[in-house]
Amino acid sequence: MHILIVDDDTLTGELTAAILEQAGHRCEIVAHGLAALERIAAATSPFDCVISDLHMPLLDGLELEGEIRKLGVSIPFILLSGDDLRATSDQRPGISAHLCKDETLEEALLQAVARL
């Protein structure tokens, strides 16, 4: 899969990419939601999935998901957060999964991507 990772924490973005690349996926990392929108619009090869942090400057993860839908792009969207906000995000039809940034992230991330 071709995956866009959106996270303002460089280390978390790189760790997420490393986990997915080790499983055979191709990843690109951007630091915020506006950069993600620009990258999606300019992509010559469409992304198969977006994995985004929830709390970011400029556009948070939920706002980013909404803006992607406004572009008319239908793409699975996985939300990452240090908070447990599944009840909120699970009510949004555009969110494929909400994963907590904790010690189970690697396993949960690989399972969520495999379900897409």
N, C-alpha and C. Protein backbone atom coordinates (compact mmCIF):
# COMPACT_ATOMS: atom_id res chain seq x y z
N MET A 1 0.83 -1.19 0.00
CA MET A 1 0.00 0.00 0.00
C MET A 1 0.88 1.26 0.00
N HIS A 2 0.36 2.29 -0.59
CA HIS A 2 0.99 3.61 -0.60
C HIS A 2 0.29 4.42 0.49
N ILE A 3 1.01 4.76 1.56
CA ILE A 3 0.39 5.35 2.75
C ILE A 3 0.97 6.73 3.03
N LEU A 4 0.08 7.70 3.30
CA LEU A 4 0.49 9.04 3.71
C LEU A 4 0.37 9.12 5.23
N ILE A 5 1.46 9.45 5.89
CA ILE A 5 1.49 9.60 7.34
C ILE A 5 1.57 11.08 7.66
N VAL A 6 0.66 11.55 8.52
CA VAL A 6 0.59 12.96 8.88
C VAL A 6 0.78 13.08 10.39
N ASP A 7 1.90 13.66 10.80
CA ASP A 7 2.17 13.81 12.23
C ASP A 7 3.15 14.94 12.45
N ASP A 8 2.81 15.86 13.35
CA ASP A 8 3.70 16.98 13.64
C ASP A 8 4.88 16.57 14.53
N ASP A 9 4.83 15.38 15.10
CA ASP A 9 5.94 14.84 15.88
C ASP A 9 6.80 13.99 14.93
N THR A 10 7.96 14.50 14.58
CA THR A 10 8.83 13.83 13.60
C THR A 10 9.15 12.40 13.99
N LEU A 11 9.48 12.17 15.24
CA LEU A 11 9.83 10.83 15.70
C LEU A 11 8.67 9.86 15.54
N THR A 12 7.47 10.28 15.91
CA THR A 12 6.30 9.41 15.78
C THR A 12 6.02 9.11 14.31
N GLY A 13 6.12 10.10 13.45
CA GLY A 13 5.92 9.88 12.02
C GLY A 13 6.91 8.89 11.46
N GLU A 14 8.18 9.04 11.84
CA GLU A 14 9.22 8.13 11.34
C GLU A 14 9.04 6.72 11.89
N LEU A 15 8.64 6.60 13.15
CA LEU A 15 8.40 5.29 13.75
C LEU A 15 7.22 4.60 13.07
N THR A 16 6.15 5.34 12.82
CA THR A 16 4.99 4.78 12.13
C THR A 16 5.39 4.29 10.74
N ALA A 17 6.15 5.11 10.02
CA ALA A 17 6.61 4.71 8.68
C ALA A 17 7.50 3.47 8.75
N ALA A 18 8.39 3.41 9.72
CA ALA A 18 9.29 2.26 9.84
C ALA A 18 8.51 0.97 10.08
N ILE A 19 7.50 1.02 10.92
CA ILE A 19 6.66 -0.15 11.19
C ILE A 19 6.00 -0.63 9.90
N LEU A 20 5.43 0.31 9.16
CA LEU A 20 4.69 -0.05 7.95
C LEU A 20 5.62 -0.45 6.81
N GLU A 21 6.75 0.21 6.68
CA GLU A 21 7.70 -0.15 5.62
C GLU A 21 8.29 -1.53 5.86
N GLN A 22 8.50 -1.88 7.12
CA GLN A 22 9.00 -3.22 7.44
C GLN A 22 7.99 -4.29 7.03
N ALA A 23 6.71 -3.91 7.00
CA ALA A 23 5.65 -4.83 6.59
C ALA A 23 5.42 -4.78 5.07
N GLY A 24 6.25 -3.99 4.35
CA GLY A 24 6.17 -3.97 2.90
C GLY A 24 5.40 -2.82 2.28
N HIS A 25 4.98 -1.84 3.09
CA HIS A 25 4.23 -0.70 2.56
C HIS A 25 5.18 0.44 2.19
N ARG A 26 4.71 1.30 1.29
CA ARG A 26 5.47 2.48 0.87
C ARG A 26 4.85 3.69 1.57
N CYS A 27 5.65 4.45 2.29
CA CYS A 27 5.13 5.55 3.10
C CYS A 27 5.76 6.89 2.73
N GLU A 28 4.95 7.93 2.87
CA GLU A 28 5.42 9.31 2.78
C GLU A 28 4.95 10.00 4.05
N ILE A 29 5.78 10.90 4.58
CA ILE A 29 5.47 11.59 5.83
C ILE A 29 5.39 13.09 5.58
N VAL A 30 4.34 13.72 6.13
CA VAL A 30 4.24 15.18 6.14
C VAL A 30 3.96 15.61 7.58
N ALA A 31 4.24 16.89 7.89
CA ALA A 31 4.21 17.36 9.27
C ALA A 31 2.89 17.97 9.73
N HIS A 32 1.96 18.23 8.81
CA HIS A 32 0.69 18.82 9.24
C HIS A 32 -0.38 18.62 8.17
N GLY A 33 -1.61 18.94 8.55
CA GLY A 33 -2.75 18.69 7.67
C GLY A 33 -2.72 19.45 6.36
N LEU A 34 -2.27 20.71 6.37
CA LEU A 34 -2.23 21.47 5.12
C LEU A 34 -1.24 20.84 4.14
N ALA A 35 -0.11 20.38 4.65
CA ALA A 35 0.87 19.70 3.79
C ALA A 35 0.28 18.40 3.25
N ALA A 36 -0.53 17.73 4.04
CA ALA A 36 -1.17 16.49 3.59
C ALA A 36 -2.13 16.77 2.43
N LEU A 37 -2.93 17.83 2.55
CA LEU A 37 -3.85 18.18 1.47
C LEU A 37 -3.09 18.50 0.19
N GLU A 38 -2.00 19.25 0.31
CA GLU A 38 -1.19 19.58 -0.86
C GLU A 38 -0.60 18.32 -1.48
N ARG A 39 -0.13 17.40 -0.65
CA ARG A 39 0.49 16.17 -1.15
C ARG A 39 -0.53 15.28 -1.84
N ILE A 40 -1.73 15.19 -1.28
CA ILE A 40 -2.80 14.38 -1.89
C ILE A 40 -3.19 14.97 -3.24
N ALA A 41 -3.33 16.29 -3.30
CA ALA A 41 -3.72 16.95 -4.55
C ALA A 41 -2.65 16.81 -5.63
N ALA A 42 -1.38 16.77 -5.23
CA ALA A 42 -0.28 16.71 -6.20
C ALA A 42 0.19 15.29 -6.51
N ALA A 43 -0.36 14.31 -5.84
CA ALA A 43 0.13 12.93 -5.98
C ALA A 43 -0.07 12.41 -7.40
N THR A 44 0.99 11.88 -7.98
CA THR A 44 0.88 11.25 -9.30
C THR A 44 0.41 9.81 -9.15
N SER A 45 0.66 9.23 -8.00
CA SER A 45 0.18 7.89 -7.65
C SER A 45 -0.70 8.05 -6.42
N PRO A 46 -1.98 7.68 -6.50
CA PRO A 46 -2.88 7.93 -5.37
C PRO A 46 -2.47 7.16 -4.12
N PHE A 47 -2.79 7.73 -2.98
CA PHE A 47 -2.54 7.06 -1.72
C PHE A 47 -3.65 6.05 -1.46
N ASP A 48 -3.28 4.94 -0.84
CA ASP A 48 -4.24 3.91 -0.48
C ASP A 48 -4.81 4.12 0.91
N CYS A 49 -4.14 4.96 1.70
CA CYS A 49 -4.55 5.17 3.09
C CYS A 49 -3.87 6.42 3.63
N VAL A 50 -4.56 7.12 4.53
CA VAL A 50 -3.96 8.22 5.28
C VAL A 50 -3.98 7.82 6.75
N ILE A 51 -2.84 7.99 7.41
CA ILE A 51 -2.74 7.76 8.85
C ILE A 51 -2.33 9.10 9.46
N SER A 52 -3.20 9.65 10.31
CA SER A 52 -2.98 11.00 10.81
C SER A 52 -3.07 11.08 12.32
N ASP A 53 -2.20 11.92 12.88
CA ASP A 53 -2.30 12.28 14.29
C ASP A 53 -3.59 13.09 14.46
N LEU A 54 -4.17 13.05 15.64
CA LEU A 54 -5.37 13.83 15.91
C LEU A 54 -5.02 15.28 16.20
N HIS A 55 -4.11 15.52 17.14
CA HIS A 55 -3.79 16.88 17.59
C HIS A 55 -2.58 17.42 16.84
N MET A 56 -2.83 18.38 15.93
CA MET A 56 -1.76 19.01 15.15
C MET A 56 -2.11 20.48 14.93
N PRO A 57 -1.10 21.31 14.68
CA PRO A 57 -1.38 22.70 14.32
C PRO A 57 -1.93 22.80 12.90
N LEU A 58 -2.52 23.90 12.58
CA LEU A 58 -3.08 24.24 11.27
C LEU A 58 -4.37 23.48 10.97
N LEU A 59 -4.33 22.17 10.87
CA LEU A 59 -5.53 21.33 10.71
C LEU A 59 -5.34 20.11 11.59
N ASP A 60 -6.29 19.84 12.48
CA ASP A 60 -6.15 18.61 13.27
C ASP A 60 -6.62 17.43 12.43
N GLY A 61 -6.47 16.23 12.96
CA GLY A 61 -6.79 15.03 12.20
C GLY A 61 -8.24 14.96 11.74
N LEU A 62 -9.18 15.34 12.59
CA LEU A 62 -10.60 15.30 12.20
C LEU A 62 -10.89 16.34 11.12
N GLU A 63 -10.30 17.53 11.24
CA GLU A 63 -10.48 18.55 10.21
C GLU A 63 -9.87 18.09 8.89
N LEU A 64 -8.70 17.46 8.96
CA LEU A 64 -8.05 16.95 7.75
C LEU A 64 -8.93 15.94 7.05
N GLU A 65 -9.50 15.01 7.80
CA GLU A 65 -10.38 14.00 7.19
C GLU A 65 -11.54 14.68 6.47
N GLY A 66 -12.13 15.69 7.08
CA GLY A 66 -13.23 16.42 6.45
C GLY A 66 -12.80 17.14 5.18
N GLU A 67 -11.62 17.75 5.19
CA GLU A 67 -11.12 18.46 4.01
C GLU A 67 -10.80 17.50 2.87
N ILE A 68 -10.29 16.32 3.20
CA ILE A 68 -10.03 15.31 2.17
C ILE A 68 -11.33 14.91 1.49
N ARG A 69 -12.39 14.74 2.27
CA ARG A 69 -13.70 14.38 1.69
C ARG A 69 -14.22 15.50 0.79
N LYS A 70 -13.98 16.76 1.20
CA LYS A 70 -14.41 17.90 0.37
C LYS A 70 -13.72 17.91 -0.98
N LEU A 71 -12.51 17.35 -1.05
CA LEU A 71 -11.79 17.24 -2.32
C LEU A 71 -12.39 16.16 -3.22
N GLY A 72 -13.30 15.37 -2.65
CA GLY A 72 -13.90 14.28 -3.42
C GLY A 72 -13.05 13.03 -3.43
N VAL A 73 -12.08 12.96 -2.53
CA VAL A 73 -11.19 11.81 -2.45
C VAL A 73 -11.75 10.81 -1.45
N SER A 74 -11.93 9.59 -1.91
CA SER A 74 -12.40 8.51 -1.03
C SER A 74 -11.20 7.64 -0.69
N ILE A 75 -10.75 7.73 0.55
CA ILE A 75 -9.55 7.03 0.97
C ILE A 75 -9.70 6.62 2.43
N PRO A 76 -9.30 5.41 2.79
CA PRO A 76 -9.34 5.02 4.20
C PRO A 76 -8.49 5.97 5.05
N PHE A 77 -9.00 6.29 6.23
CA PHE A 77 -8.36 7.27 7.10
C PHE A 77 -8.25 6.68 8.50
N ILE A 78 -7.02 6.54 8.99
CA ILE A 78 -6.77 6.02 10.33
C ILE A 78 -6.28 7.17 11.19
N LEU A 79 -6.90 7.33 12.34
CA LEU A 79 -6.58 8.42 13.25
C LEU A 79 -5.74 7.88 14.41
N LEU A 80 -4.63 8.57 14.72
CA LEU A 80 -3.77 8.21 15.85
C LEU A 80 -3.87 9.29 16.92
N SER A 81 -3.90 8.88 18.17
CA SER A 81 -3.97 9.86 19.24
C SER A 81 -3.43 9.29 20.53
N GLY A 82 -2.91 10.17 21.36
CA GLY A 82 -2.53 9.78 22.71
C GLY A 82 -3.74 9.70 23.61
N ASP A 83 -4.85 10.26 23.15
CA ASP A 83 -6.12 10.24 23.89
C ASP A 83 -6.96 9.07 23.44
N ASP A 84 -7.87 8.64 24.28
CA ASP A 84 -8.82 7.60 23.89
C ASP A 84 -10.12 8.29 23.50
N LEU A 85 -10.21 8.69 22.24
CA LEU A 85 -11.39 9.40 21.74
C LEU A 85 -12.17 8.55 20.76
N ARG A 86 -12.09 7.25 20.87
CA ARG A 86 -12.76 6.38 19.92
C ARG A 86 -14.25 6.65 19.82
N ALA A 87 -14.90 6.96 20.93
CA ALA A 87 -16.34 7.20 20.89
C ALA A 87 -16.67 8.36 19.97
N THR A 88 -15.84 9.39 19.98
CA THR A 88 -16.06 10.55 19.12
C THR A 88 -15.77 10.24 17.67
N SER A 89 -14.59 9.69 17.39
CA SER A 89 -14.19 9.46 16.00
C SER A 89 -14.93 8.30 15.37
N ASP A 90 -15.33 7.30 16.16
CA ASP A 90 -16.03 6.15 15.58
C ASP A 90 -17.40 6.53 15.04
N GLN A 91 -17.93 7.67 15.46
CA GLN A 91 -19.22 8.12 14.96
C GLN A 91 -19.07 8.80 13.59
N ARG A 92 -17.87 9.06 13.16
CA ARG A 92 -17.63 9.69 11.86
C ARG A 92 -17.42 8.60 10.83
N PRO A 93 -18.25 8.57 9.81
CA PRO A 93 -18.15 7.49 8.82
C PRO A 93 -16.84 7.47 8.05
N GLY A 94 -16.11 8.58 7.97
CA GLY A 94 -14.87 8.61 7.21
C GLY A 94 -13.66 8.06 7.96
N ILE A 95 -13.80 7.78 9.25
CA ILE A 95 -12.69 7.27 10.05
C ILE A 95 -12.73 5.74 10.04
N SER A 96 -11.72 5.13 9.44
CA SER A 96 -11.65 3.66 9.37
C SER A 96 -11.26 3.04 10.70
N ALA A 97 -10.39 3.72 11.45
CA ALA A 97 -9.94 3.21 12.75
C ALA A 97 -9.35 4.37 13.55
N HIS A 98 -9.45 4.26 14.87
CA HIS A 98 -8.79 5.20 15.78
C HIS A 98 -7.89 4.38 16.67
N LEU A 99 -6.60 4.66 16.61
CA LEU A 99 -5.62 3.91 17.38
C LEU A 99 -4.95 4.81 18.41
N CYS A 100 -4.77 4.29 19.60
CA CYS A 100 -4.09 5.04 20.66
C CYS A 100 -2.58 4.84 20.54
N LYS A 101 -1.86 5.93 20.73
CA LYS A 101 -0.39 5.87 20.73
C LYS A 101 0.05 5.34 22.08
N ASP A 102 0.16 4.04 22.17
CA ASP A 102 0.62 3.41 23.40
C ASP A 102 1.48 2.20 23.04
N GLU A 103 1.73 1.35 24.00
CA GLU A 103 2.63 0.22 23.77
C GLU A 103 2.07 -0.80 22.80
N THR A 104 0.78 -0.74 22.47
CA THR A 104 0.18 -1.69 21.53
C THR A 104 0.07 -1.13 20.12
N LEU A 105 0.62 0.06 19.88
CA LEU A 105 0.44 0.72 18.59
C LEU A 105 0.92 -0.11 17.41
N GLU A 106 2.09 -0.70 17.50
CA GLU A 106 2.63 -1.45 16.35
C GLU A 106 1.67 -2.54 15.90
N GLU A 107 1.22 -3.37 16.81
CA GLU A 107 0.30 -4.46 16.46
C GLU A 107 -1.03 -3.91 15.95
N ALA A 108 -1.57 -2.90 16.63
CA ALA A 108 -2.86 -2.33 16.23
C ALA A 108 -2.77 -1.68 14.86
N LEU A 109 -1.67 -1.01 14.58
CA LEU A 109 -1.46 -0.34 13.29
C LEU A 109 -1.43 -1.35 12.15
N LEU A 110 -0.66 -2.41 12.33
CA LEU A 110 -0.57 -3.43 11.28
C LEU A 110 -1.92 -4.12 11.06
N GLN A 111 -2.66 -4.36 12.12
CA GLN A 111 -3.98 -4.98 11.98
C GLN A 111 -4.96 -4.05 11.27
N ALA A 112 -4.95 -2.77 11.62
CA ALA A 112 -5.86 -1.81 11.00
C ALA A 112 -5.59 -1.67 9.51
N VAL A 113 -4.33 -1.59 9.12
CA VAL A 113 -3.98 -1.47 7.70
C VAL A 113 -4.34 -2.75 6.96
N ALA A 114 -4.15 -3.89 7.57
CA ALA A 114 -4.48 -5.17 6.93
C ALA A 114 -5.98 -5.30 6.67
N ARG A 115 -6.80 -4.65 7.50
CA ARG A 115 -8.26 -4.72 7.32
C ARG A 115 -8.77 -3.85 6.18
N LEU A 116 -7.95 -2.95 5.67
CA LEU A 116 -8.41 -2.02 4.62
C LEU A 116 -8.55 -2.71 3.29
